[in-house]
C-alpha atoms as a PDB file:
ATOM      1  CA  MET A   1      23.916  21.349  -1.759  1.00  0.00           C
ATOM      2  CA  GLY A   2      21.106  23.726  -3.481  1.00  0.00           C
ATOM      3  CA  ALA A   3      22.598  22.994  -6.973  1.00  0.00           C
ATOM      4  CA  ALA A   4      22.510  19.190  -6.279  1.00  0.00           C
ATOM      5  CA  THR A   5      19.057  19.530  -5.322  1.00  0.00           C
ATOM      6  CA  ALA A   6      17.944  21.532  -8.276  1.00  0.00           C
ATOM      7  CA  SER A   7      19.775  19.298 -10.569  1.00  0.00           C
ATOM      8  CA  LEU A   8      17.724  16.130  -9.129  1.00  0.00           C
ATOM      9  CA  LEU A   9      14.646  18.181  -9.212  1.00  0.00           C
ATOM     10  CA  GLY A  10      15.425  19.336 -13.048  1.00  0.00           C
ATOM     11  CA  LEU A  11      16.173  15.618 -14.009  1.00  0.00           C
ATOM     12  CA  LEU A  12      13.153  13.695 -12.036  1.00  0.00           C
ATOM     13  CA  PHE A  13      10.857  16.547 -13.672  1.00  0.00           C
ATOM     14  CA  VAL A  14      12.201  15.718 -17.257  1.00  0.00           C
ATOM     15  CA  ALA A  15      11.430  12.043 -16.678  1.00  0.00           C
ATOM     16  CA  VAL A  16       7.986  12.415 -15.264  1.00  0.00           C
ATOM     17  CA  SER A  17       7.241  14.638 -18.343  1.00  0.00           C
ATOM     18  CA  ILE A  18       8.639  11.679 -20.692  1.00  0.00           C
ATOM     19  CA  ARG A  19       6.036   9.179 -19.198  1.00  0.00           C
ATOM     20  CA  VAL A  20       3.308  11.501 -18.145  1.00  0.00           C
ATOM     21  CA  GLU A  21       0.539   8.995 -19.562  1.00  0.00           C
ATOM     22  CA  THR A  22       1.722   6.318 -17.258  1.00  0.00           C
ATOM     23  CA  ILE A  23       2.365   8.245 -14.088  1.00  0.00           C
ATOM     24  CA  ALA A  24      -1.165   9.842 -14.715  1.00  0.00           C
ATOM     25  CA  ALA A  25      -3.181   6.301 -14.853  1.00  0.00           C
ATOM     26  CA  SER A  26      -1.139   5.158 -11.500  1.00  0.00           C
ATOM     27  CA  ALA A  27      -2.336   6.888  -8.114  1.00  0.00           C
ATOM     28  CA  GLU A  28       0.998   5.513  -6.560  1.00  0.00           C
ATOM     29  CA  LEU A  29       3.171   6.789  -9.235  1.00  0.00           C
ATOM     30  CA  ARG A  30       1.373  10.411  -9.136  1.00  0.00           C
ATOM     31  CA  ASN A  31       2.064   9.980  -5.078  1.00  0.00           C
ATOM     32  CA  ARG A  32       5.354   8.861  -5.250  1.00  0.00           C
ATOM     33  CA  CYS A  33       6.377  11.714  -7.897  1.00  0.00           C
ATOM     34  CA  GLY A  34       4.550  14.307  -5.804  1.00  0.00           C
ATOM     35  CA  GLN A  35       6.243  13.674  -2.846  1.00  0.00           C
ATOM     36  CA  THR A  36       9.688  13.310  -4.462  1.00  0.00           C
ATOM     37  CA  LEU A  37       9.311  16.789  -6.381  1.00  0.00           C
ATOM     38  CA  THR A  38       8.034  17.865  -2.857  1.00  0.00           C
ATOM     39  CA  LEU A  39      11.220  16.776  -1.145  1.00  0.00           C
ATOM     40  CA  LEU A  40      13.654  17.957  -3.460  1.00  0.00           C
ATOM     41  CA  LEU A  41      12.036  21.320  -4.116  1.00  0.00           C
ATOM     42  CA  THR A  42      12.039  21.502  -0.118  1.00  0.00           C
ATOM     43  CA  GLY A  43      15.668  21.298  -0.208  1.00  0.00           C
ATOM     44  CA  LEU A  44      16.004  23.629  -2.917  1.00  0.00           C
ATOM     45  CA  ILE A  45      14.079  26.181  -0.783  1.00  0.00           C
ATOM     46  CA  VAL A  46      15.794  25.477   2.497  1.00  0.00           C
ATOM     47  CA  ALA A  47      19.065  26.221   0.598  1.00  0.00           C
ATOM     48  CA  ALA A  48      17.659  29.786  -0.780  1.00  0.00           C
ATOM     49  CA  LEU A  49      16.319  30.609   2.461  1.00  0.00           C
ATOM     50  CA  LEU A  50      20.102  30.106   4.045  1.00  0.00           C
ATOM     51  CA  ALA A  51      21.560  31.970   1.442  1.00  0.00           C
ATOM     52  CA  VAL A  52      19.491  35.415   2.067  1.00  0.00           C
ATOM     53  CA  PRO A  53      22.029  38.104   3.623  1.00  0.00           C
ATOM     54  CA  ASP A  54      22.095  39.830   6.949  1.00  0.00           C
ATOM     55  CA  GLN A  55      18.633  37.588   8.174  1.00  0.00           C
ATOM     56  CA  PRO A  56      17.971  37.561  11.623  1.00  0.00           C
ATOM     57  CA  LYS A  57      18.304  34.096  13.406  1.00  0.00           C
ATOM     58  CA  TRP A  58      14.467  33.883  14.532  1.00  0.00           C
ATOM     59  CA  THR A  59      13.436  34.992  11.086  1.00  0.00           C
ATOM     60  CA  LEU A  60      14.947  32.076   9.350  1.00  0.00           C
ATOM     61  CA  GLY A  61      13.811  29.953  12.106  1.00  0.00           C
ATOM     62  CA  THR A  62      10.164  31.008  11.264  1.00  0.00           C
ATOM     63  CA  GLU A  63      10.802  30.727   7.884  1.00  0.00           C
ATOM     64  CA  TYR A  64      11.619  26.885   8.410  1.00  0.00           C
ATOM     65  CA  LEU A  65       8.975  26.421  10.648  1.00  0.00           C
ATOM     66  CA  VAL A  66       6.322  27.600   8.084  1.00  0.00           C
ATOM     67  CA  LEU A  67       8.111  25.467   5.194  1.00  0.00           C
ATOM     68  CA  ALA A  68       8.004  22.327   7.436  1.00  0.00           C
ATOM     69  CA  LEU A  69       4.290  22.732   8.039  1.00  0.00           C
ATOM     70  CA  VAL A  70       3.583  23.430   4.589  1.00  0.00           C
ATOM     71  CA  VAL A  71       5.660  20.493   3.053  1.00  0.00           C
ATOM     72  CA  THR A  72       3.620  18.222   5.828  1.00  0.00           C
ATOM     73  CA  ALA A  73       0.271  19.239   5.127  1.00  0.00           C
ATOM     74  CA  VAL A  74       1.302  18.505   1.023  1.00  0.00           C
ATOM     75  CA  ALA A  75       2.786  15.436   2.191  1.00  0.00           C
ATOM     76  CA  VAL A  76      -0.231  14.354   4.100  1.00  0.00           C
ATOM     77  CA  THR A  77      -2.408  15.024   1.400  1.00  0.00           C
ATOM     78  CA  LEU A  78      -0.581  13.353  -1.437  1.00  0.00           C
ATOM     79  CA  ASP A  79      -0.467  10.349   0.656  1.00  0.00           C
ATOM     80  CA  ARG A  80      -4.248  10.212   1.291  1.00  0.00           C
ATOM     81  CA  ARG A  81      -4.945  10.648  -2.284  1.00  0.00           C
ATOM     82  CA  THR A  82      -3.274   7.230  -2.957  1.00  0.00           C
ATOM     83  CA  GLY A  83      -6.109   5.308  -1.214  1.00  0.00           C
ATOM     84  CA  THR A  84      -6.020   2.919   1.616  1.00  0.00           C
ATOM     85  CA  ARG A  85      -3.003   0.996   2.612  1.00  0.00           C
ATOM     86  CA  SER A  86      -2.076  -1.747   5.339  1.00  0.00           C
ATOM     87  CA  ALA A  87      -1.235  -0.759   8.581  1.00  0.00           C
ATOM     88  CA  ILE A  88       2.537  -1.592   8.233  1.00  0.00           C
ATOM     89  CA  GLY A  89       2.237   0.427   4.713  1.00  0.00           C
ATOM     90  CA  ARG A  90       1.200   3.365   6.562  1.00  0.00           C
ATOM     91  CA  TRP A  91       3.660   3.023   9.585  1.00  0.00           C
ATOM     92  CA  LEU A  92       6.428   2.542   6.710  1.00  0.00           C
ATOM     93  CA  ASP A  93       5.228   5.664   5.059  1.00  0.00           C
ATOM     94  CA  ALA A  94       5.434   7.728   8.234  1.00  0.00           C
ATOM     95  CA  ILE A  95       9.365   7.358   8.552  1.00  0.00           C
ATOM     96  CA  ASN A  96       9.673   8.644   4.919  1.00  0.00           C
ATOM     97  CA  PRO A  97      12.234  11.267   3.792  1.00  0.00           C
ATOM     98  CA  THR A  98       9.649  13.768   3.791  1.00  0.00           C
ATOM     99  CA  PHE A  99       8.686  13.605   7.550  1.00  0.00           C
ATOM    100  CA  ILE A 100      12.327  13.152   8.818  1.00  0.00           C
ATOM    101  CA  THR A 101      13.286  16.301   6.810  1.00  0.00           C
ATOM    102  CA  CYS A 102      10.260  18.356   8.181  1.00  0.00           C
ATOM    103  CA  SER A 103      11.001  16.999  11.586  1.00  0.00           C
ATOM    104  CA  LEU A 104      14.465  18.470  11.440  1.00  0.00           C
ATOM    105  CA  LEU A 105      13.287  21.656  10.015  1.00  0.00           C
ATOM    106  CA  VAL A 106      11.083  22.053  12.919  1.00  0.00           C
ATOM    107  CA  ILE A 107      14.299  21.384  15.336  1.00  0.00           C
ATOM    108  CA  THR A 108      16.115  23.952  13.169  1.00  0.00           C
ATOM    109  CA  GLY A 109      13.645  26.188  13.475  1.00  0.00           C
ATOM    110  CA  VAL A 110      13.196  26.165  16.995  1.00  0.00           C
ATOM    111  CA  ILE A 111      16.652  26.325  17.986  1.00  0.00           C
ATOM    112  CA  LEU A 112      16.952  29.601  15.712  1.00  0.00           C
ATOM    113  CA  ILE A 113      13.850  31.280  17.154  1.00  0.00           C
ATOM    114  CA  LEU A 114      16.008  30.573  20.523  1.00  0.00           C
ATOM    115  CA  GLY A 115      18.348  32.476  19.342  1.00  0.00           C
ATOM    116  CA  HIS A 116      21.138  29.552  19.151  1.00  0.00           C
ATOM    117  CA  GLU A 117      22.913  29.555  15.718  1.00  0.00           C
ATOM    118  CA  ASN A 118      24.052  25.885  16.328  1.00  0.00           C
ATOM    119  CA  GLY A 119      20.427  24.834  15.022  1.00  0.00           C
ATOM    120  CA  LEU A 120      21.906  25.009  11.360  1.00  0.00           C
ATOM    121  CA  TYR A 121      24.139  22.218  12.372  1.00  0.00           C
ATOM    122  CA  VAL A 122      20.808  20.006  12.147  1.00  0.00           C
ATOM    123  CA  LEU A 123      20.012  20.985   8.672  1.00  0.00           C
ATOM    124  CA  VAL A 124      22.889  19.197   7.425  1.00  0.00           C
ATOM    125  CA  PRO A 125      21.289  15.564   8.407  1.00  0.00           C
ATOM    126  CA  ALA A 126      18.068  17.164   7.032  1.00  0.00           C
ATOM    127  CA  LEU A 127      19.558  18.063   3.425  1.00  0.00           C
ATOM    128  CA  ILE A 128      21.082  14.542   3.527  1.00  0.00           C
ATOM    129  CA  ALA A 129      17.656  13.005   4.003  1.00  0.00           C
ATOM    130  CA  VAL A 130      16.610  15.431   0.992  1.00  0.00           C
ATOM    131  CA  LEU A 131      19.276  13.865  -1.231  1.00  0.00           C
ATOM    132  CA  VAL A 132      19.033  10.220  -0.138  1.00  0.00           C
ATOM    133  CA  GLY A 133      15.246  10.218  -0.325  1.00  0.00           C
ATOM    134  CA  GLY A 134      15.028  12.147  -3.647  1.00  0.00           C
ATOM    135  CA  VAL A 135      17.340   9.627  -5.339  1.00  0.00           C
ATOM    136  CA  LEU A 136      15.820   6.594  -3.866  1.00  0.00           C
ATOM    137  CA  ASN A 137      12.116   7.839  -4.690  1.00  0.00           C
ATOM    138  CA  ALA A 138      13.279   8.794  -7.861  1.00  0.00           C
ATOM    139  CA  TRP A 139      14.553   5.601  -8.182  1.00  0.00           C
ATOM    140  CA  LEU A 140      11.518   3.579  -7.136  1.00  0.00           C
ATOM    141  CA  VAL A 141       9.288   5.813  -9.894  1.00  0.00           C
ATOM    142  CA  LEU A 142      11.539   4.973 -12.321  1.00  0.00           C
ATOM    143  CA  VAL A 143      11.694   1.434 -11.930  1.00  0.00           C
ATOM    144  CA  ARG A 144       7.860   1.300 -11.810  1.00  0.00           C
ATOM    145  CA  LEU A 145       8.078   3.374 -14.966  1.00  0.00           C
ATOM    146  CA  THR A 146       9.164   0.267 -16.760  1.00  0.00           C
ATOM    147  CA  ASP A 147       6.791  -2.146 -15.457  1.00  0.00           C
END
């Protein structure tokens, strides 16, 4: 899963680098690119943390909680920089893949901190949200770049 996320992250980084002038001119595109890069990087970090050998469950849970808080703060900051939107736009942003992933990471972290290994099963939908959300956001960015 980490390799797929890393590949998508690299491809999006190249796409952004090629059209940096267009992206720099649009707050919406900068926000969307930043959120997508953050989402994909989150999936990569989740996989890297899981690969650390002999790590206690509570440590992994704490790492996932901290990661979720940091990613949520970054996403909120990027969202606020975009500017004002309608109430419907804000509501739709609230259910974006970044917040779904962070919510599932918090659940995973709490379950692991409580000492249950079953919390790792919650990572499956979290990483699926990373991949699906990353691909969809990247597609939206690339489609907007041609406008």
